[in-house]
Amino acid sequence: MSNPIVRQIPNAITCCNLVSGCIAVVMALHNNYEWAMACILIGALFDFFDGMTARLLGVSGPMGVELDSLADDITFGLAPSMIMFSMMQTASSGLSCRFMTDVFPYTAFLVAAFSALRLGKFNIDTRQKTSFIGLPTPANAIFLSSFAACYQDVSIPVWVLFAIVVVFSLLLVAEIPMFSLKLKNMTWRDNSTKYVFLIGCVVLLLLLGFFHIYALIVWYILLSLAAGRFAKR
């Protein structure tokens, strides 16, 4: 039996993910979208390493799976919801319609609800061992937080923000195959889609700049759709 402290290392990393998400929520409340995005990215790193650490240490278990989903819904569900809520409040503040200013921004929490559904589905769906069905919650959160960080000083109509919330909430639970970035080997034949994605990411970052990470998520979605069509043929 492994050391009790060693067994808790992956859970501690998962909790760091959760704390990152909590800080991202606070940053969103203060309209500090750049820091909110940074906290979500840090949370995504912790989310990547907790599972890897558990496998390396040989301490994977049901407790880690449940804790991971809870942390993910904070960092990749609640945090981006708070970002969109804050943006929608700002966008609707000058409108005369009381419903639009007082109620409509709360539709942003669809992201948190659909993220919870996505995570629950992932935990019981045996089809998602090596790839994904629907947009992964970290990708969704990175898109929304990066979009907010890039366009926080731009006057975006509240209905556009609502449309983004609805579309990306539905993408979370859509029956759309999306590739994983995990590599079983380094061959081009088995990983061509992933390599094309990474090359495209480098080009987009060089052209648009670091904060436009949302463009990478759009590229990921489009490439997943293209790869899915090609696989069917």
Protein backbone atom coordinates (compact mmCIF):
# COMPACT_ATOMS: atom_id res chain seq x y z
CA MET A 1 0.00 0.00 0.00
CA SER A 2 1.35 3.43 -0.95
CA ASN A 3 2.16 6.14 1.55
CA PRO A 4 -1.03 8.03 2.65
CA ILE A 5 0.64 11.35 1.85
CA VAL A 6 1.63 10.15 -1.62
CA ARG A 7 -1.97 9.05 -2.27
CA GLN A 8 -3.19 12.58 -1.60
CA ILE A 9 -0.77 14.35 -3.97
CA PRO A 10 -3.09 14.10 -7.03
CA ASN A 11 -6.04 15.27 -4.91
CA ALA A 12 -3.98 18.23 -3.69
CA ILE A 13 -3.24 19.18 -7.31
CA THR A 14 -6.96 18.90 -8.11
CA CYS A 15 -7.71 21.22 -5.18
CA CYS A 16 -5.23 23.71 -6.65
CA ASN A 17 -7.34 23.60 -9.80
CA LEU A 18 -10.45 24.32 -7.70
CA VAL A 19 -8.77 27.23 -5.90
CA SER A 20 -7.66 28.68 -9.24
CA GLY A 21 -11.28 28.59 -10.34
CA CYS A 22 -12.42 30.33 -7.15
CA ILE A 23 -9.89 33.13 -7.73
CA ALA A 24 -11.07 33.39 -11.36
CA VAL A 25 -14.63 33.95 -10.04
CA VAL A 26 -13.39 36.79 -7.81
CA MET A 27 -11.49 38.34 -10.72
CA ALA A 28 -14.62 38.15 -12.87
CA LEU A 29 -16.65 39.94 -10.18
CA HIS A 30 -14.12 42.77 -10.36
CA ASN A 31 -14.25 42.83 -14.19
CA ASN A 32 -10.61 41.78 -14.31
CA TYR A 33 -10.98 39.38 -17.22
CA GLU A 34 -7.29 39.06 -18.02
CA TRP A 35 -6.53 37.71 -14.55
CA ALA A 36 -9.65 35.56 -14.67
CA MET A 37 -8.36 34.03 -17.91
CA ALA A 38 -4.92 33.52 -16.35
CA CYS A 39 -6.47 31.67 -13.38
CA ILE A 40 -8.51 29.45 -15.71
CA LEU A 41 -5.36 28.62 -17.71
CA ILE A 42 -3.51 27.80 -14.48
CA GLY A 43 -6.45 25.63 -13.43
CA ALA A 44 -6.25 23.82 -16.78
CA LEU A 45 -2.58 23.04 -16.10
CA PHE A 46 -3.43 21.60 -12.70
CA ASP A 47 -6.26 19.63 -14.32
CA PHE A 48 -3.79 18.16 -16.81
CA PHE A 49 -1.23 17.18 -14.18
CA ASP A 50 -3.53 15.70 -11.51
CA GLY A 51 -4.54 12.74 -13.67
CA MET A 52 -1.01 12.26 -14.96
CA THR A 53 0.36 12.32 -11.41
CA ALA A 54 -2.24 9.80 -10.23
CA ARG A 55 -1.27 7.41 -13.02
CA LEU A 56 2.47 7.84 -12.41
CA LEU A 57 2.06 7.22 -8.68
CA GLY A 58 -0.41 4.38 -9.22
CA VAL A 59 -3.00 5.93 -6.93
CA SER A 60 -5.96 6.47 -9.28
CA GLY A 61 -9.33 5.92 -7.68
CA PRO A 62 -13.02 6.92 -7.60
CA MET A 63 -12.35 9.68 -5.05
CA GLY A 64 -10.04 11.43 -7.51
CA VAL A 65 -12.59 11.15 -10.33
CA GLU A 66 -15.36 12.74 -8.27
CA LEU A 67 -13.12 15.48 -6.88
CA ASP A 68 -11.83 16.26 -10.37
CA SER A 69 -15.36 16.78 -11.71
CA LEU A 70 -16.28 19.05 -8.79
CA ALA A 71 -13.14 21.16 -9.30
CA ASP A 72 -13.70 21.30 -13.07
CA ASP A 73 -17.24 22.62 -12.69
CA ILE A 74 -15.89 25.48 -10.57
CA THR A 75 -12.94 26.38 -12.80
CA PHE A 76 -14.46 25.55 -16.19
CA GLY A 77 -18.16 26.01 -15.40
CA LEU A 78 -18.81 28.62 -12.73
CA ALA A 79 -15.80 30.86 -13.50
CA PRO A 80 -16.62 31.38 -17.21
CA SER A 81 -20.28 31.83 -16.24
CA MET A 82 -19.29 34.64 -13.89
CA ILE A 83 -17.20 36.23 -16.65
CA MET A 84 -20.14 36.19 -19.06
CA PHE A 85 -22.51 37.37 -16.33
CA SER A 86 -20.26 40.33 -15.65
CA MET A 87 -19.97 41.15 -19.36
CA MET A 88 -23.72 40.89 -19.86
CA GLN A 89 -24.39 43.14 -16.86
CA THR A 90 -22.10 45.78 -18.32
CA ALA A 91 -23.57 45.42 -21.82
CA SER A 92 -27.16 45.75 -20.57
CA SER A 93 -26.57 48.55 -18.04
CA GLY A 94 -27.65 51.33 -20.43
CA LEU A 95 -30.78 49.61 -21.71
CA SER A 96 -34.23 50.87 -20.76
CA CYS A 97 -35.80 47.40 -20.53
CA ARG A 98 -35.82 46.31 -16.89
CA PHE A 99 -35.85 42.61 -17.85
CA MET A 100 -32.71 42.99 -19.95
CA THR A 101 -30.81 44.76 -17.17
CA ASP A 102 -32.01 42.85 -14.09
CA VAL A 103 -32.74 39.34 -15.31
CA PHE A 104 -31.14 38.61 -18.68
CA PRO A 105 -27.50 38.51 -17.45
CA TYR A 106 -28.35 35.48 -15.29
CA THR A 107 -28.71 33.39 -18.44
CA ALA A 108 -24.88 33.28 -18.35
CA PHE A 109 -25.17 30.51 -15.75
CA LEU A 110 -26.32 28.16 -18.48
CA VAL A 111 -22.60 27.61 -18.98
CA ALA A 112 -22.21 26.27 -15.43
CA ALA A 113 -25.27 24.02 -15.78
CA PHE A 114 -24.24 22.58 -19.14
CA SER A 115 -20.66 22.15 -17.91
CA ALA A 116 -21.98 20.01 -15.05
CA LEU A 117 -23.98 17.96 -17.55
CA ARG A 118 -20.88 17.61 -19.76
CA LEU A 119 -18.73 16.42 -16.84
CA GLY A 120 -21.34 13.94 -15.63
CA LYS A 121 -21.73 12.59 -19.16
CA PHE A 122 -17.97 12.24 -19.55
CA ASN A 123 -17.69 10.20 -16.33
CA ILE A 124 -20.16 7.54 -17.49
CA ASP A 125 -19.63 7.58 -21.28
CA THR A 126 -17.36 4.72 -22.31
CA ARG A 127 -16.95 6.25 -25.79
CA GLN A 128 -14.76 9.03 -24.37
CA LYS A 129 -11.71 7.08 -23.27
CA THR A 130 -9.41 8.27 -26.07
CA SER A 131 -11.41 11.16 -27.55
CA PHE A 132 -14.34 13.43 -26.65
CA ILE A 133 -18.01 13.71 -27.54
CA GLY A 134 -18.84 17.39 -27.30
CA LEU A 135 -16.60 20.34 -26.47
CA PRO A 136 -14.40 19.68 -23.38
CA THR A 137 -15.13 22.04 -20.49
CA PRO A 138 -11.56 23.45 -20.30
CA ALA A 139 -11.71 24.41 -24.00
CA ASN A 140 -15.07 26.11 -23.45
CA ALA A 141 -13.80 28.05 -20.43
CA ILE A 142 -10.63 29.12 -22.24
CA PHE A 143 -12.66 30.38 -25.20
CA LEU A 144 -15.04 32.46 -23.06
CA SER A 145 -12.35 33.90 -20.77
CA SER A 146 -10.01 34.74 -23.66
CA PHE A 147 -12.86 36.33 -25.60
CA ALA A 148 -13.70 38.47 -22.57
CA ALA A 149 -10.06 39.47 -22.01
CA CYS A 150 -9.71 40.54 -25.66
CA TYR A 151 -12.97 42.45 -25.97
CA GLN A 152 -13.56 43.85 -22.49
CA ASP A 153 -13.23 47.42 -23.83
CA VAL A 154 -15.46 46.79 -26.84
CA SER A 155 -19.18 47.53 -26.72
CA ILE A 156 -20.73 44.13 -27.52
CA PRO A 157 -24.55 43.90 -27.68
CA VAL A 158 -25.98 41.79 -24.88
CA TRP A 159 -27.84 39.59 -27.37
CA VAL A 160 -24.52 38.67 -29.00
CA LEU A 161 -23.15 37.61 -25.62
CA PHE A 162 -26.33 35.61 -24.99
CA ALA A 163 -25.92 33.88 -28.36
CA ILE A 164 -22.34 32.95 -27.47
CA VAL A 165 -23.51 31.52 -24.13
CA VAL A 166 -26.22 29.41 -25.80
CA VAL A 167 -24.05 28.14 -28.66
CA PHE A 168 -21.14 27.12 -26.45
CA SER A 169 -23.42 25.60 -23.81
CA LEU A 170 -24.95 23.40 -26.50
CA LEU A 171 -21.52 22.50 -27.88
CA LEU A 172 -20.65 21.04 -24.48
CA VAL A 173 -23.32 18.35 -24.76
CA ALA A 174 -23.52 18.02 -28.55
CA GLU A 175 -22.95 14.58 -30.09
CA ILE A 176 -19.92 15.87 -31.98
CA PRO A 177 -16.68 13.82 -31.92
CA MET A 178 -13.67 15.91 -30.92
CA PHE A 179 -10.10 14.71 -30.79
CA SER A 180 -7.94 14.51 -27.69
CA LEU A 181 -4.39 15.86 -27.58
CA LYS A 182 -3.05 12.77 -25.80
CA LEU A 183 -0.32 11.03 -27.81
CA LYS A 184 0.10 7.25 -27.72
CA ASN A 185 3.17 7.52 -29.97
CA MET A 186 4.94 10.19 -32.02
CA THR A 187 4.09 8.97 -35.54
CA TRP A 188 2.46 11.32 -38.05
CA ARG A 189 0.06 8.62 -39.23
CA ASP A 190 -1.55 8.14 -35.83
CA ASN A 191 -1.43 11.81 -34.79
CA SER A 192 -1.78 13.82 -38.00
CA THR A 193 -4.86 15.74 -36.78
CA LYS A 194 -3.13 16.67 -33.53
CA TYR A 195 0.02 17.83 -35.30
CA VAL A 196 -1.98 19.90 -37.78
CA PHE A 197 -3.82 21.46 -34.84
CA LEU A 198 -0.59 22.35 -33.02
CA ILE A 199 0.95 23.85 -36.17
CA GLY A 200 -2.20 25.90 -36.72
CA CYS A 201 -2.09 27.08 -33.09
CA VAL A 202 1.46 28.38 -33.50
CA VAL A 203 0.49 30.25 -36.68
CA LEU A 204 -2.61 31.79 -35.06
CA LEU A 205 -0.71 32.92 -31.96
CA LEU A 206 2.00 34.50 -34.10
CA LEU A 207 -0.58 36.32 -36.22
CA LEU A 208 -3.07 37.35 -33.52
CA GLY A 209 -1.10 37.45 -30.27
CA PHE A 210 -1.31 35.50 -27.02
CA PHE A 211 -4.60 36.86 -25.67
CA HIS A 212 -6.51 35.69 -28.74
CA ILE A 213 -6.49 32.11 -27.47
CA TYR A 214 -10.20 31.89 -28.25
CA ALA A 215 -9.17 31.57 -31.94
CA LEU A 216 -7.37 28.32 -31.06
CA ILE A 217 -10.60 26.89 -29.66
CA VAL A 218 -12.50 27.84 -32.83
CA TRP A 219 -9.71 26.16 -34.83
CA TYR A 220 -10.04 23.07 -32.59
CA ILE A 221 -13.80 22.86 -33.18
CA LEU A 222 -13.49 23.32 -36.95
CA LEU A 223 -10.68 20.76 -37.24
CA SER A 224 -12.65 18.26 -35.12
CA LEU A 225 -15.64 18.66 -37.43
CA ALA A 226 -13.44 18.20 -40.51
CA ALA A 227 -11.69 15.16 -39.02
CA GLY A 228 -15.05 13.64 -38.13
CA ARG A 229 -16.35 14.05 -41.68
CA PHE A 230 -13.14 12.60 -43.11
CA ALA A 231 -13.34 9.59 -40.76
CA LYS A 232 -16.91 8.85 -41.88
CA ARG A 233 -15.79 8.77 -45.51
